C-alpha atoms as a PDB file:
ATOM      1  CA  MET A   1     164.888 178.775  96.102  1.00  0.00           C
ATOM      2  CA  ASN A   2     166.763 179.084  92.830  1.00  0.00           C
ATOM      3  CA  ARG A   3     165.331 178.686  89.387  1.00  0.00           C
ATOM      4  CA  ARG A   4     166.219 174.997  89.067  1.00  0.00           C
ATOM      5  CA  GLU A   5     164.493 174.102  92.315  1.00  0.00           C
ATOM      6  CA  LYS A   6     161.402 176.019  91.232  1.00  0.00           C
ATOM      7  CA  ILE A   7     161.260 174.055  87.958  1.00  0.00           C
ATOM      8  CA  LEU A   8     161.674 170.744  89.822  1.00  0.00           C
ATOM      9  CA  ALA A   9     158.958 171.612  92.339  1.00  0.00           C
ATOM     10  CA  ALA A  10     156.621 172.686  89.553  1.00  0.00           C
ATOM     11  CA  SER A  11     157.272 169.433  87.682  1.00  0.00           C
ATOM     12  CA  ILE A  12     156.565 167.326  90.761  1.00  0.00           C
ATOM     13  CA  GLY A  13     153.423 169.312  91.514  1.00  0.00           C
ATOM     14  CA  GLY A  14     152.245 168.859  87.928  1.00  0.00           C
ATOM     15  CA  ILE A  15     152.811 165.112  88.066  1.00  0.00           C
ATOM     16  CA  VAL A  16     150.930 164.818  91.365  1.00  0.00           C
ATOM     17  CA  GLY A  17     148.106 166.913  89.943  1.00  0.00           C
ATOM     18  CA  LEU A  18     147.914 164.702  86.863  1.00  0.00           C
ATOM     19  CA  LEU A  19     147.762 161.584  89.060  1.00  0.00           C
ATOM     20  CA  VAL A  20     145.001 163.077  91.182  1.00  0.00           C
ATOM     21  CA  VAL A  21     143.039 164.117  88.102  1.00  0.00           C
ATOM     22  CA  GLY A  22     143.576 160.646  86.582  1.00  0.00           C
ATOM     23  CA  TRP A  23     142.338 158.899  89.688  1.00  0.00           C
ATOM     24  CA  GLY A  24     139.315 161.190  89.789  1.00  0.00           C
ATOM     25  CA  ILE A  25     138.476 160.570  86.144  1.00  0.00           C
ATOM     26  CA  ARG A  26     138.919 156.815  86.680  1.00  0.00           C
ATOM     27  CA  ALA A  27     136.598 156.882  89.707  1.00  0.00           C
ATOM     28  CA  LEU A  28     133.957 158.803  87.724  1.00  0.00           C
ATOM     29  CA  ILE A  29     134.123 156.290  84.858  1.00  0.00           C
ATOM     30  CA  SER A  30     134.710 152.963  86.724  1.00  0.00           C
ATOM     31  CA  GLN A  31     132.055 153.450  89.417  1.00  0.00           C
ATOM     32  CA  PRO A  32     129.117 153.436  86.948  1.00  0.00           C
ATOM     33  CA  LEU A  33     130.716 150.534  85.090  1.00  0.00           C
ATOM     34  CA  HIS A  34     131.040 148.584  88.351  1.00  0.00           C
ATOM     35  CA  LEU A  35     127.394 149.239  89.210  1.00  0.00           C
ATOM     36  CA  LEU A  36     126.407 148.189  85.701  1.00  0.00           C
ATOM     37  CA  ASP A  37     128.364 144.942  86.070  1.00  0.00           C
ATOM     38  CA  GLN A  38     126.550 144.239  89.341  1.00  0.00           C
ATOM     39  CA  ARG A  39     123.168 144.824  87.729  1.00  0.00           C
ATOM     40  CA  ILE A  40     124.095 142.555  84.817  1.00  0.00           C
ATOM     41  CA  ALA A  41     125.191 139.785  87.218  1.00  0.00           C
ATOM     42  CA  THR A  42     121.958 140.151  89.243  1.00  0.00           C
ATOM     43  CA  ALA A  43     119.847 140.027  86.074  1.00  0.00           C
ATOM     44  CA  ARG A  44     121.710 136.933  84.839  1.00  0.00           C
ATOM     45  CA  GLU A  45     121.119 135.234  88.218  1.00  0.00           C
ATOM     46  CA  LYS A  46     117.406 136.029  88.074  1.00  0.00           C
ATOM     47  CA  ILE A  47     117.167 134.795  84.486  1.00  0.00           C
ATOM     48  CA  SER A  48     118.962 131.566  85.437  1.00  0.00           C
ATOM     49  CA  LYS A  49     116.595 131.069  88.394  1.00  0.00           C
ATOM     50  CA  ILE A  50     113.535 131.725  86.222  1.00  0.00           C
ATOM     51  CA  GLN A  51     114.806 129.263  83.605  1.00  0.00           C
ATOM     52  CA  GLY A  52     115.359 126.632  86.314  1.00  0.00           C
ATOM     53  CA  GLU A  53     111.852 127.174  87.697  1.00  0.00           C
ATOM     54  CA  ARG A  54     110.463 126.982  84.167  1.00  0.00           C
ATOM     55  CA  ARG A  55     112.222 123.662  83.536  1.00  0.00           C
ATOM     56  CA  ALA A  56     111.006 122.340  86.908  1.00  0.00           C
ATOM     57  CA  PHE A  57     107.459 123.488  86.101  1.00  0.00           C
ATOM     58  CA  PHE A  58     107.376 121.679  82.759  1.00  0.00           C
ATOM     59  CA  ALA A  59     108.929 118.557  84.306  1.00  0.00           C
ATOM     60  CA  ALA A  60     106.314 118.605  87.096  1.00  0.00           C
ATOM     61  CA  GLU A  61     103.549 119.191  84.550  1.00  0.00           C
ATOM     62  CA  ASP A  62     104.685 116.178  82.497  1.00  0.00           C
ATOM     63  CA  ARG A  63     104.825 114.039  85.638  1.00  0.00           C
ATOM     64  CA  LEU A  64     101.370 115.225  86.718  1.00  0.00           C
ATOM     65  CA  LYS A  65      99.945 114.384  83.289  1.00  0.00           C
ATOM     66  CA  SER A  66     101.557 110.948  83.450  1.00  0.00           C
ATOM     67  CA  ILE A  67     100.006 110.353  86.894  1.00  0.00           C
ATOM     68  CA  THR A  68      96.605 111.617  85.738  1.00  0.00           C
ATOM     69  CA  GLN A  69      96.681 109.239  82.735  1.00  0.00           C
ATOM     70  CA  ARG A  70      97.021 106.345  85.195  1.00  0.00           C
ATOM     71  CA  SER A  71      94.188 107.568  87.441  1.00  0.00           C
ATOM     72  CA  PHE A  72      90.672 106.161  87.086  1.00  0.00           C
ATOM     73  CA  ALA A  73      88.754 109.409  86.448  1.00  0.00           C
ATOM     74  CA  ASP A  74      88.636 113.156  87.115  1.00  0.00           C
ATOM     75  CA  THR A  75      85.738 113.005  89.600  1.00  0.00           C
ATOM     76  CA  ILE A  76      85.419 111.146  92.896  1.00  0.00           C
ATOM     77  CA  ASP A  77      82.187 109.342  91.955  1.00  0.00           C
ATOM     78  CA  GLN A  78      83.543 108.070  88.632  1.00  0.00           C
ATOM     79  CA  ALA A  79      86.868 107.024  90.147  1.00  0.00           C
ATOM     80  CA  SER A  80      85.098 105.190  92.986  1.00  0.00           C
ATOM     81  CA  ALA A  81      82.832 103.312  90.568  1.00  0.00           C
ATOM     82  CA  GLN A  82      85.636 102.362  88.168  1.00  0.00           C
ATOM     83  CA  SER A  83      88.052 101.281  90.924  1.00  0.00           C
ATOM     84  CA  GLY A  84      85.307  99.155  92.508  1.00  0.00           C
ATOM     85  CA  GLU A  85      84.560  97.566  89.137  1.00  0.00           C
ATOM     86  CA  LEU A  86      88.271  96.844  88.641  1.00  0.00           C
ATOM     87  CA  LEU A  87      88.481  95.191  92.072  1.00  0.00           C
ATOM     88  CA  THR A  88      85.510  92.977  91.216  1.00  0.00           C
ATOM     89  CA  ARG A  89      87.104  91.914  87.909  1.00  0.00           C
ATOM     90  CA  GLN A  90      90.422  91.132  89.591  1.00  0.00           C
ATOM     91  CA  ILE A  91      88.706  89.072  92.318  1.00  0.00           C
ATOM     92  CA  ILE A  92      86.940  86.998  89.662  1.00  0.00           C
ATOM     93  CA  GLN A  93      90.095  86.789  87.504  1.00  0.00           C
ATOM     94  CA  ALA A  94      92.024  85.429  90.503  1.00  0.00           C
ATOM     95  CA  GLY A  95      89.559  82.526  90.734  1.00  0.00           C
ATOM     96  CA  LEU A  96      87.785  83.779  93.864  1.00  0.00           C
ATOM     97  CA  ALA A  97      84.049  83.991  94.477  1.00  0.00           C
ATOM     98  CA  GLU A  98      82.762  87.554  94.426  1.00  0.00           C
ATOM     99  CA  ALA A  99      80.142  86.646  97.030  1.00  0.00           C
ATOM    100  CA  ASP A 100      82.898  85.792  99.537  1.00  0.00           C
ATOM    101  CA  PHE A 101      84.336  89.345  99.492  1.00  0.00           C
ATOM    102  CA  THR A 102      83.102  92.639 100.891  1.00  0.00           C
ATOM    103  CA  ARG A 103      84.141  96.063  99.592  1.00  0.00           C
ATOM    104  CA  LEU A 104      83.382  99.086 101.787  1.00  0.00           C
ATOM    105  CA  PRO A 105      84.209 102.593 100.472  1.00  0.00           C
ATOM    106  CA  VAL A 106      86.944 104.687 102.124  1.00  0.00           C
ATOM    107  CA  GLY A 107      87.231 108.483 101.943  1.00  0.00           C
ATOM    108  CA  PRO A 108      87.374 110.830 100.245  1.00  0.00           C
ATOM    109  CA  ARG A 109      90.300 112.355 102.165  1.00  0.00           C
ATOM    110  CA  LYS A 110      91.512 115.735 100.907  1.00  0.00           C
ATOM    111  CA  ILE A 111      95.260 116.087 100.471  1.00  0.00           C
ATOM    112  CA  ARG A 112      97.354 118.685  98.664  1.00  0.00           C
ATOM    113  CA  GLY A 113      96.449 118.630  94.984  1.00  0.00           C
ATOM    114  CA  ALA A 114      94.258 115.516  95.119  1.00  0.00           C
ATOM    115  CA  SER A 115      91.581 113.541  96.952  1.00  0.00           C
ATOM    116  CA  GLU A 116      92.296 110.049  98.285  1.00  0.00           C
ATOM    117  CA  ILE A 117      89.568 107.420  97.979  1.00  0.00           C
ATOM    118  CA  GLY A 118      89.542 103.653  98.123  1.00  0.00           C
ATOM    119  CA  TRP A 119      87.989 100.453  99.438  1.00  0.00           C
ATOM    120  CA  ASN A 120      88.312  98.254 102.518  1.00  0.00           C
ATOM    121  CA  VAL A 121      88.393  94.735 101.078  1.00  0.00           C
ATOM    122  CA  GLN A 122      88.054  91.510 103.053  1.00  0.00           C
ATOM    123  CA  GLY A 123      87.138  88.003 102.106  1.00  0.00           C
ATOM    124  CA  GLU A 124      88.053  84.338 102.118  1.00  0.00           C
ATOM    125  CA  GLY A 125      89.302  81.877  99.533  1.00  0.00           C
ATOM    126  CA  ALA A 126      91.892  79.305  98.568  1.00  0.00           C
ATOM    127  CA  LEU A 127      95.456  80.398  99.327  1.00  0.00           C
ATOM    128  CA  SER A 128      96.551  80.016  95.691  1.00  0.00           C
ATOM    129  CA  ASN A 129      93.714  82.259  94.517  1.00  0.00           C
ATOM    130  CA  VAL A 130      94.454  84.849  97.214  1.00  0.00           C
ATOM    131  CA  VAL A 131      98.085  84.915  96.026  1.00  0.00           C
ATOM    132  CA  ASN A 132      96.732  85.418  92.485  1.00  0.00           C
ATOM    133  CA  LEU A 133      94.695  88.401  93.675  1.00  0.00           C
ATOM    134  CA  LEU A 134      97.616  90.031  95.513  1.00  0.00           C
ATOM    135  CA  PHE A 135      99.909  89.499  92.501  1.00  0.00           C
ATOM    136  CA  THR A 136      97.328  90.993  90.136  1.00  0.00           C
ATOM    137  CA  LEU A 137      96.880  94.033  92.390  1.00  0.00           C
ATOM    138  CA  HIS A 138     100.651  94.534  92.589  1.00  0.00           C
ATOM    139  CA  GLN A 139     101.003  94.411  88.801  1.00  0.00           C
ATOM    140  CA  SER A 140      98.020  96.691  88.119  1.00  0.00           C
ATOM    141  CA  PRO A 141      99.124  99.733  86.025  1.00  0.00           C
ATOM    142  CA  TRP A 142      96.424 101.974  87.496  1.00  0.00           C
ATOM    143  CA  LEU A 143      97.376 104.578  90.093  1.00  0.00           C
ATOM    144  CA  HIS A 144      96.865 102.815  93.418  1.00  0.00           C
ATOM    145  CA  ARG A 145      98.365 101.743  96.737  1.00  0.00           C
ATOM    146  CA  THR A 146      97.635  98.592  98.750  1.00  0.00           C
ATOM    147  CA  GLU A 147      98.154  98.826 102.510  1.00  0.00           C
ATOM    148  CA  ASN A 148      97.218  97.186 105.835  1.00  0.00           C
ATOM    149  CA  LEU A 149      97.425  93.704 104.304  1.00  0.00           C
ATOM    150  CA  ALA A 150      96.510  90.927 106.753  1.00  0.00           C
ATOM    151  CA  VAL A 151      96.206  87.213 105.974  1.00  0.00           C
ATOM    152  CA  THR A 152      94.838  84.767 108.553  1.00  0.00           C
ATOM    153  CA  ARG A 153      93.784  81.139 108.472  1.00  0.00           C
ATOM    154  CA  GLY A 154      90.362  80.226 107.131  1.00  0.00           C
ATOM    155  CA  ASP A 155      87.778  77.711 108.237  1.00  0.00           C
ATOM    156  CA  SER A 156      89.103  74.927 105.995  1.00  0.00           C
ATOM    157  CA  PRO A 157      92.605  73.626 105.185  1.00  0.00           C
ATOM    158  CA  GLY A 158      94.134  75.539 102.303  1.00  0.00           C
ATOM    159  CA  PHE A 159      91.762  78.482 102.806  1.00  0.00           C
ATOM    160  CA  VAL A 160      92.753  81.850 104.245  1.00  0.00           C
ATOM    161  CA  ARG A 161      91.079  85.139 105.105  1.00  0.00           C
ATOM    162  CA  VAL A 162      92.569  88.271 103.585  1.00  0.00           C
ATOM    163  CA  ARG A 163      92.008  91.914 104.474  1.00  0.00           C
ATOM    164  CA  PHE A 164      93.585  95.005 102.909  1.00  0.00           C
ATOM    165  CA  ARG A 165      92.923  98.603 101.895  1.00  0.00           C
ATOM    166  CA  TYR A 166      92.971  99.616  98.219  1.00  0.00           C
ATOM    167  CA  LEU A 167      93.576 103.372  97.712  1.00  0.00           C
ATOM    168  CA  THR A 168      93.791 105.637  94.664  1.00  0.00           C
ATOM    169  CA  LEU A 169      93.972 109.380  93.938  1.00  0.00           C
ATOM    170  CA  VAL A 170      91.739 111.823  92.091  1.00  0.00           C
ATOM    171  CA  VAL A 171      93.896 114.753  90.923  1.00  0.00           C
ATOM    172  CA  ASP A 172      92.281 118.142  91.613  1.00  0.00           C
ATOM    173  CA  PRO A 173      92.470 120.148  89.431  1.00  0.00           C
ATOM    174  CA  ALA A 174      93.181 117.510  86.805  1.00  0.00           C
ATOM    175  CA  PRO A 175      95.113 118.488  83.633  1.00  0.00           C
ATOM    176  CA  ASP A 176      93.671 117.688  80.227  1.00  0.00           C
ATOM    177  CA  VAL A 177      94.927 114.227  79.245  1.00  0.00           C
ATOM    178  CA  VAL A 178      93.779 111.434  76.959  1.00  0.00           C
ATOM    179  CA  ARG A 179      93.280 108.200  78.918  1.00  0.00           C
ATOM    180  CA  THR A 180      93.825 104.795  77.332  1.00  0.00           C
ATOM    181  CA  ASN A 181      93.013 101.277  78.443  1.00  0.00           C
ATOM    182  CA  LEU A 182      95.969 100.263  80.615  1.00  0.00           C
ATOM    183  CA  THR A 183      97.127  96.654  80.663  1.00  0.00           C
ATOM    184  CA  ALA A 184      99.346  94.930  83.207  1.00  0.00           C
ATOM    185  CA  GLY A 185     102.799  93.941  82.029  1.00  0.00           C
ATOM    186  CA  LEU A 186     102.676  90.567  83.811  1.00  0.00           C
ATOM    187  CA  GLY A 187      99.823  88.070  83.986  1.00  0.00           C
ATOM    188  CA  LEU A 188      99.005  85.040  86.114  1.00  0.00           C
ATOM    189  CA  ASP A 189     100.807  82.784  83.634  1.00  0.00           C
ATOM    190  CA  SER A 190     104.078  84.734  83.808  1.00  0.00           C
ATOM    191  CA  PRO A 191     107.259  83.226  85.330  1.00  0.00           C
ATOM    192  CA  GLU A 192     107.198  85.911  88.044  1.00  0.00           C
ATOM    193  CA  ARG A 193     103.868  84.557  89.293  1.00  0.00           C
ATOM    194  CA  HIS A 194     105.208  80.984  89.321  1.00  0.00           C
ATOM    195  CA  LEU A 195     107.978  82.105  91.677  1.00  0.00           C
ATOM    196  CA  LEU A 196     105.277  82.543  94.346  1.00  0.00           C
ATOM    197  CA  ASN A 197     104.084  78.940  94.103  1.00  0.00           C
ATOM    198  CA  SER A 198     106.273  77.993  97.068  1.00  0.00           C
ATOM    199  CA  ILE A 199     104.011  80.117  99.271  1.00  0.00           C
ATOM    200  CA  VAL A 200     101.090  77.921  98.236  1.00  0.00           C
ATOM    201  CA  SER A 201     102.868  74.554  98.244  1.00  0.00           C
ATOM    202  CA  ARG A 202     104.384  75.125 101.702  1.00  0.00           C
ATOM    203  CA  ASP A 203     101.316  77.020 103.013  1.00  0.00           C
ATOM    204  CA  LEU A 204     103.615  79.706 104.441  1.00  0.00           C
ATOM    205  CA  LEU A 205     100.822  82.115 105.350  1.00  0.00           C
ATOM    206  CA  ARG A 206      98.972  79.622 107.514  1.00  0.00           C
ATOM    207  CA  PRO A 207      99.975  79.398 111.212  1.00  0.00           C
ATOM    208  CA  TYR A 208     100.923  76.052 112.710  1.00  0.00           C
ATOM    209  CA  ILE A 209      97.976  73.974 113.806  1.00  0.00           C
ATOM    210  CA  ARG A 210      98.509  70.775 115.770  1.00  0.00           C
ATOM    211  CA  ARG A 211      97.141  67.768 113.932  1.00  0.00           C
ATOM    212  CA  PRO A 212      93.974  66.527 115.675  1.00  0.00           C
ATOM    213  CA  PRO A 213      93.868  62.926 116.855  1.00  0.00           C
ATOM    214  CA  PRO A 214      92.203  60.473 114.490  1.00  0.00           C
ATOM    215  CA  PRO A 215      88.489  60.021 115.167  1.00  0.00           C
ATOM    216  CA  PRO A 216      87.412  56.723 116.709  1.00  0.00           C
ATOM    217  CA  VAL A 217      86.311  54.104 114.260  1.00  0.00           C
ATOM    218  CA  PRO A 218      82.568  53.483 114.672  1.00  0.00           C
ATOM    219  CA  PRO A 219      81.431  49.875 114.893  1.00  0.00           C
ATOM    220  CA  ALA A 220      80.362  48.353 111.629  1.00  0.00           C
ATOM    221  CA  THR A 221      76.611  48.272 111.318  1.00  0.00           C
ATOM    222  CA  ALA A 222      74.459  47.164 108.481  1.00  0.00           C
ATOM    223  CA  PRO A 223      72.693  50.010 106.691  1.00  0.00           C
ATOM    224  CA  SER A 224      69.005  50.278 107.367  1.00  0.00           C
ATOM    225  CA  THR A 225      66.915  49.530 104.323  1.00  0.00           C
ATOM    226  CA  SER A 226      63.499  49.423 105.965  1.00  0.00           C
ATOM    227  CA  PRO A 227      60.856  51.752 104.461  1.00  0.00           C
ATOM    228  CA  GLY A 228      60.301  53.404 107.832  1.00  0.00           C
ATOM    229  CA  ALA A 229      63.952  54.388 108.335  1.00  0.00           C
ATOM    230  CA  ARG A 230      64.284  57.842 109.936  1.00  0.00           C
ATOM    231  CA  PRO A 231      65.731  60.470 107.516  1.00  0.00           C
ATOM    232  CA  ALA A 232      68.757  62.564 108.440  1.00  0.00           C
ATOM    233  CA  ALA A 233      67.986  65.668 110.501  1.00  0.00           C
ATOM    234  CA  PRO A 234      68.049  68.980 108.587  1.00  0.00           C
ATOM    235  CA  PRO A 235      71.033  71.255 109.222  1.00  0.00           C
ATOM    236  CA  GLY A 236      70.659  73.618 112.196  1.00  0.00           C
ATOM    237  CA  PRO A 237      71.442  77.342 112.374  1.00  0.00           C
ATOM    238  CA  GLU A 238      75.052  76.592 113.344  1.00  0.00           C
ATOM    239  CA  SER A 239      75.567  75.304 109.773  1.00  0.00           C
ATOM    240  CA  PHE A 240      74.861  78.721 108.226  1.00  0.00           C
ATOM    241  CA  ARG A 241      77.726  81.228 108.433  1.00  0.00           C
ATOM    242  CA  ILE A 242      77.644  84.930 107.489  1.00  0.00           C
ATOM    243  CA  VAL A 243      80.561  85.339 105.076  1.00  0.00           C
ATOM    244  CA  SER A 244      79.893  88.821 103.690  1.00  0.00           C
ATOM    245  CA  LEU A 245      78.012  91.997 104.592  1.00  0.00           C
ATOM    246  CA  SER A 246      78.715  94.011 101.467  1.00  0.00           C
ATOM    247  CA  GLU A 247      76.960  96.922  99.840  1.00  0.00           C
ATOM    248  CA  TRP A 248      76.416  96.985  96.091  1.00  0.00           C
ATOM    249  CA  GLU A 249      75.073 100.148  94.404  1.00  0.00           C
ATOM    250  CA  GLY A 250      73.781 101.417  97.749  1.00  0.00           C
ATOM    251  CA  VAL A 251      71.863  98.217  98.600  1.00  0.00           C
ATOM    252  CA  PRO A 252      73.222  96.085 101.505  1.00  0.00           C
ATOM    253  CA  GLU A 253      73.663  92.382 100.816  1.00  0.00           C
ATOM    254  CA  VAL A 254      74.008  89.525 103.310  1.00  0.00           C
ATOM    255  CA  HIS A 255      75.875  86.454 102.000  1.00  0.00           C
ATOM    256  CA  ILE A 256      75.198  83.335 104.087  1.00  0.00           C
ATOM    257  CA  ARG A 257      77.160  80.142 103.434  1.00  0.00           C
ATOM    258  CA  ASP A 258      75.439  76.796 103.885  1.00  0.00           C
ATOM    259  CA  MET A 259      78.368  74.765 105.263  1.00  0.00           C
ATOM    260  CA  THR A 260      76.484  71.501 104.723  1.00  0.00           C
ATOM    261  CA  ALA A 261      75.478  71.993 101.088  1.00  0.00           C
ATOM    262  CA  GLN A 262      78.497  74.264 100.323  1.00  0.00           C
ATOM    263  CA  LYS A 263      76.267  76.927  98.779  1.00  0.00           C
ATOM    264  CA  THR A 264      76.035  80.680  99.359  1.00  0.00           C
ATOM    265  CA  HIS A 265      72.667  82.454  99.583  1.00  0.00           C
ATOM    266  CA  ILE A 266      72.187  86.223  99.236  1.00  0.00           C
ATOM    267  CA  TYR A 267      69.609  88.164 101.276  1.00  0.00           C
ATOM    268  CA  HIS A 268      68.507  91.814 101.226  1.00  0.00           C
ATOM    269  CA  PRO A 269      66.712  93.948 103.850  1.00  0.00           C
ATOM    270  CA  GLY A 270      63.080  92.899 104.015  1.00  0.00           C
ATOM    271  CA  ASP A 271      63.717  89.195 103.281  1.00  0.00           C
ATOM    272  CA  ALA A 272      62.479  86.523 105.672  1.00  0.00           C
ATOM    273  CA  LEU A 273      65.300  84.826 107.573  1.00  0.00           C
ATOM    274  CA  GLU A 274      65.595  82.583 110.669  1.00  0.00           C
ATOM    275  CA  GLY A 275      61.917  82.935 111.601  1.00  0.00           C
ATOM    276  CA  GLY A 276      62.041  86.729 111.367  1.00  0.00           C
ATOM    277  CA  THR A 277      62.839  89.560 108.963  1.00  0.00           C
ATOM    278  CA  LEU A 278      66.233  90.914 107.903  1.00  0.00           C
ATOM    279  CA  VAL A 279      65.951  94.593 108.869  1.00  0.00           C
ATOM    280  CA  MET A 280      69.290  96.130 107.936  1.00  0.00           C
ATOM    281  CA  VAL A 281      73.080  95.827 107.873  1.00  0.00           C
ATOM    282  CA  ASP A 282      74.737  97.936 110.577  1.00  0.00           C
ATOM    283  CA  TYR A 283      78.141  99.283 109.446  1.00  0.00           C
ATOM    284  CA  ARG A 284      79.080 100.985 112.723  1.00  0.00           C
ATOM    285  CA  THR A 285      82.478 100.066 114.190  1.00  0.00           C
ATOM    286  CA  LEU A 286      81.728  98.567 117.628  1.00  0.00           C
ATOM    287  CA  PRO A 287      83.517  96.264 120.108  1.00  0.00           C
ATOM    288  CA  ARG A 288      83.054  92.577 119.397  1.00  0.00           C
ATOM    289  CA  PRO A 289      80.664  90.878 121.851  1.00  0.00           C
ATOM    290  CA  ASP A 290      83.064  87.953 122.469  1.00  0.00           C
ATOM    291  CA  ASN A 291      86.160  90.176 122.848  1.00  0.00           C
ATOM    292  CA  PRO A 292      85.713  93.917 123.575  1.00  0.00           C
ATOM    293  CA  GLN A 293      89.431  94.444 122.840  1.00  0.00           C
ATOM    294  CA  LEU A 294      88.719  93.846 119.125  1.00  0.00           C
ATOM    295  CA  LYS A 295      86.501  95.824 116.773  1.00  0.00           C
ATOM    296  CA  SER A 296      83.691  94.621 114.539  1.00  0.00           C
ATOM    297  CA  SER A 297      82.938  96.714 111.444  1.00  0.00           C
ATOM    298  CA  SER A 298      79.560  95.248 110.442  1.00  0.00           C
ATOM    299  CA  ARG A 299      76.671  93.060 111.568  1.00  0.00           C
ATOM    300  CA  MET A 300      73.217  92.129 110.325  1.00  0.00           C
ATOM    301  CA  ILE A 301      70.097  92.856 112.371  1.00  0.00           C
ATOM    302  CA  LEU A 302      67.051  90.556 112.488  1.00  0.00           C
ATOM    303  CA  LYS A 303      63.617  91.380 113.848  1.00  0.00           C
ATOM    304  CA  ILE A 304      61.883  88.389 115.399  1.00  0.00           C
ATOM    305  CA  GLY A 305      58.565  89.359 116.866  1.00  0.00           C
ATOM    306  CA  ALA A 306      59.057  92.649 118.714  1.00  0.00           C
ATOM    307  CA  ASP A 307      62.746  92.008 119.496  1.00  0.00           C
ATOM    308  CA  TYR A 308      65.888  92.804 117.504  1.00  0.00           C
ATOM    309  CA  PHE A 309      68.853  90.441 117.212  1.00  0.00           C
ATOM    310  CA  ALA A 310      72.379  91.044 115.810  1.00  0.00           C
ATOM    311  CA  ILE A 311      74.804  88.577 114.214  1.00  0.00           C
ATOM    312  CA  GLU A 312      78.391  89.648 113.505  1.00  0.00           C
ATOM    313  CA  ARG A 313      80.174  88.892 110.229  1.00  0.00           C
ATOM    314  CA  GLY A 314      81.909  85.522 110.378  1.00  0.00           C
ATOM    315  CA  ARG A 315      79.480  84.091 112.948  1.00  0.00           C
ATOM    316  CA  THR A 316      76.674  81.576 112.392  1.00  0.00           C
ATOM    317  CA  LEU A 317      72.934  82.063 112.697  1.00  0.00           C
ATOM    318  CA  ALA A 318      73.131  80.256 116.032  1.00  0.00           C
ATOM    319  CA  ASP A 319      75.243  83.136 117.419  1.00  0.00           C
ATOM    320  CA  LYS A 320      72.491  85.734 117.280  1.00  0.00           C
ATOM    321  CA  ARG A 321      72.245  87.959 120.368  1.00  0.00           C
ATOM    322  CA  LYS A 322      69.354  90.093 121.540  1.00  0.00           C
ATOM    323  CA  LEU A 323      69.941  93.858 121.372  1.00  0.00           C
ATOM    324  CA  THR A 324      69.061  96.219 124.177  1.00  0.00           C
ATOM    325  CA  PRO A 325      67.402  99.570 123.300  1.00  0.00           C
ATOM    326  CA  SER A 326      70.759 101.344 123.856  1.00  0.00           C
ATOM    327  CA  GLU A 327      72.483  99.048 121.329  1.00  0.00           C
ATOM    328  CA  LEU A 328      70.014  99.679 118.510  1.00  0.00           C
ATOM    329  CA  PRO A 329      71.160 101.821 115.535  1.00  0.00           C
ATOM    330  CA  PRO A 330      69.712 105.350 115.460  1.00  0.00           C
ATOM    331  CA  THR A 331      67.595 104.513 112.389  1.00  0.00           C
ATOM    332  CA  LEU A 332      65.757 101.836 114.393  1.00  0.00           C
ATOM    333  CA  VAL A 333      65.411 103.930 117.540  1.00  0.00           C
ATOM    334  CA  HIS A 334      64.194 106.963 115.528  1.00  0.00           C
ATOM    335  CA  PRO A 335      62.939 105.546 112.206  1.00  0.00           C
ATOM    336  CA  LEU A 336      62.694 107.984 109.301  1.00  0.00           C
END
């Protein structure tokens, strides 16, 4: 190898060496920088996730406070009392008779973050007033849900029976909020309520009933004016219907409607009734005596002599049935 070839080989070797050294230096410098870039990207992703969770937390907190402001109270007892009072006011505001409605407590049922309580409501009244009640409940600003609504025909034309469940929530634990008196945006005199008048005018919620034949015309007789004329017989037990078996402040009440005089009388346990004594109101859910396929949620129990008799809600005093020892409530079989 001559001198020129040696110089050329040395030059090429030097260039290759410089490239190798350059790549080595670059690897030593770029590798830490690459790792640092990865750490920065991971930190930014974590920060972005934390910020998103923080925004979601504050949004959920604001929503929870808004829901709590619309709830009745922070405790189950207070919420139950206030919701029951509201139901009573709305029944009266709708033009219905409070004595014709029963309100039985429901719950509490524990769910995630709250307890669900409510009332089983059933009663009878004019169709227009029942529509008023349902409209008022729908427009109520308080936290609630109405479910299991059922409307059936009543005992008189234009009257219906209504049954539904009114539920609300008690937030647990409840955030600190300032409650105000909520008012409904729409009232019974609003145009939205008048849109429902067709339900009343056409009686849409009442099933078809064939018109009965006209009664025969009795022969004309002169009224008796003699002093010894026999007075009209007093109404029998079939004229007295049990319209409500409610419980108010822990005391059962029996509301009996005099269908002849169109008056409602209220009785409590211990009162004399039908030649005996009203013992109690039984709220056990049992098969109905006339149809075991259906359930009866309440009945009143009379003691006449040494025997006990039961009358279901909606039946008359003439429908009382004698109870066997196996049918008696535990409190009567084993009195406290």
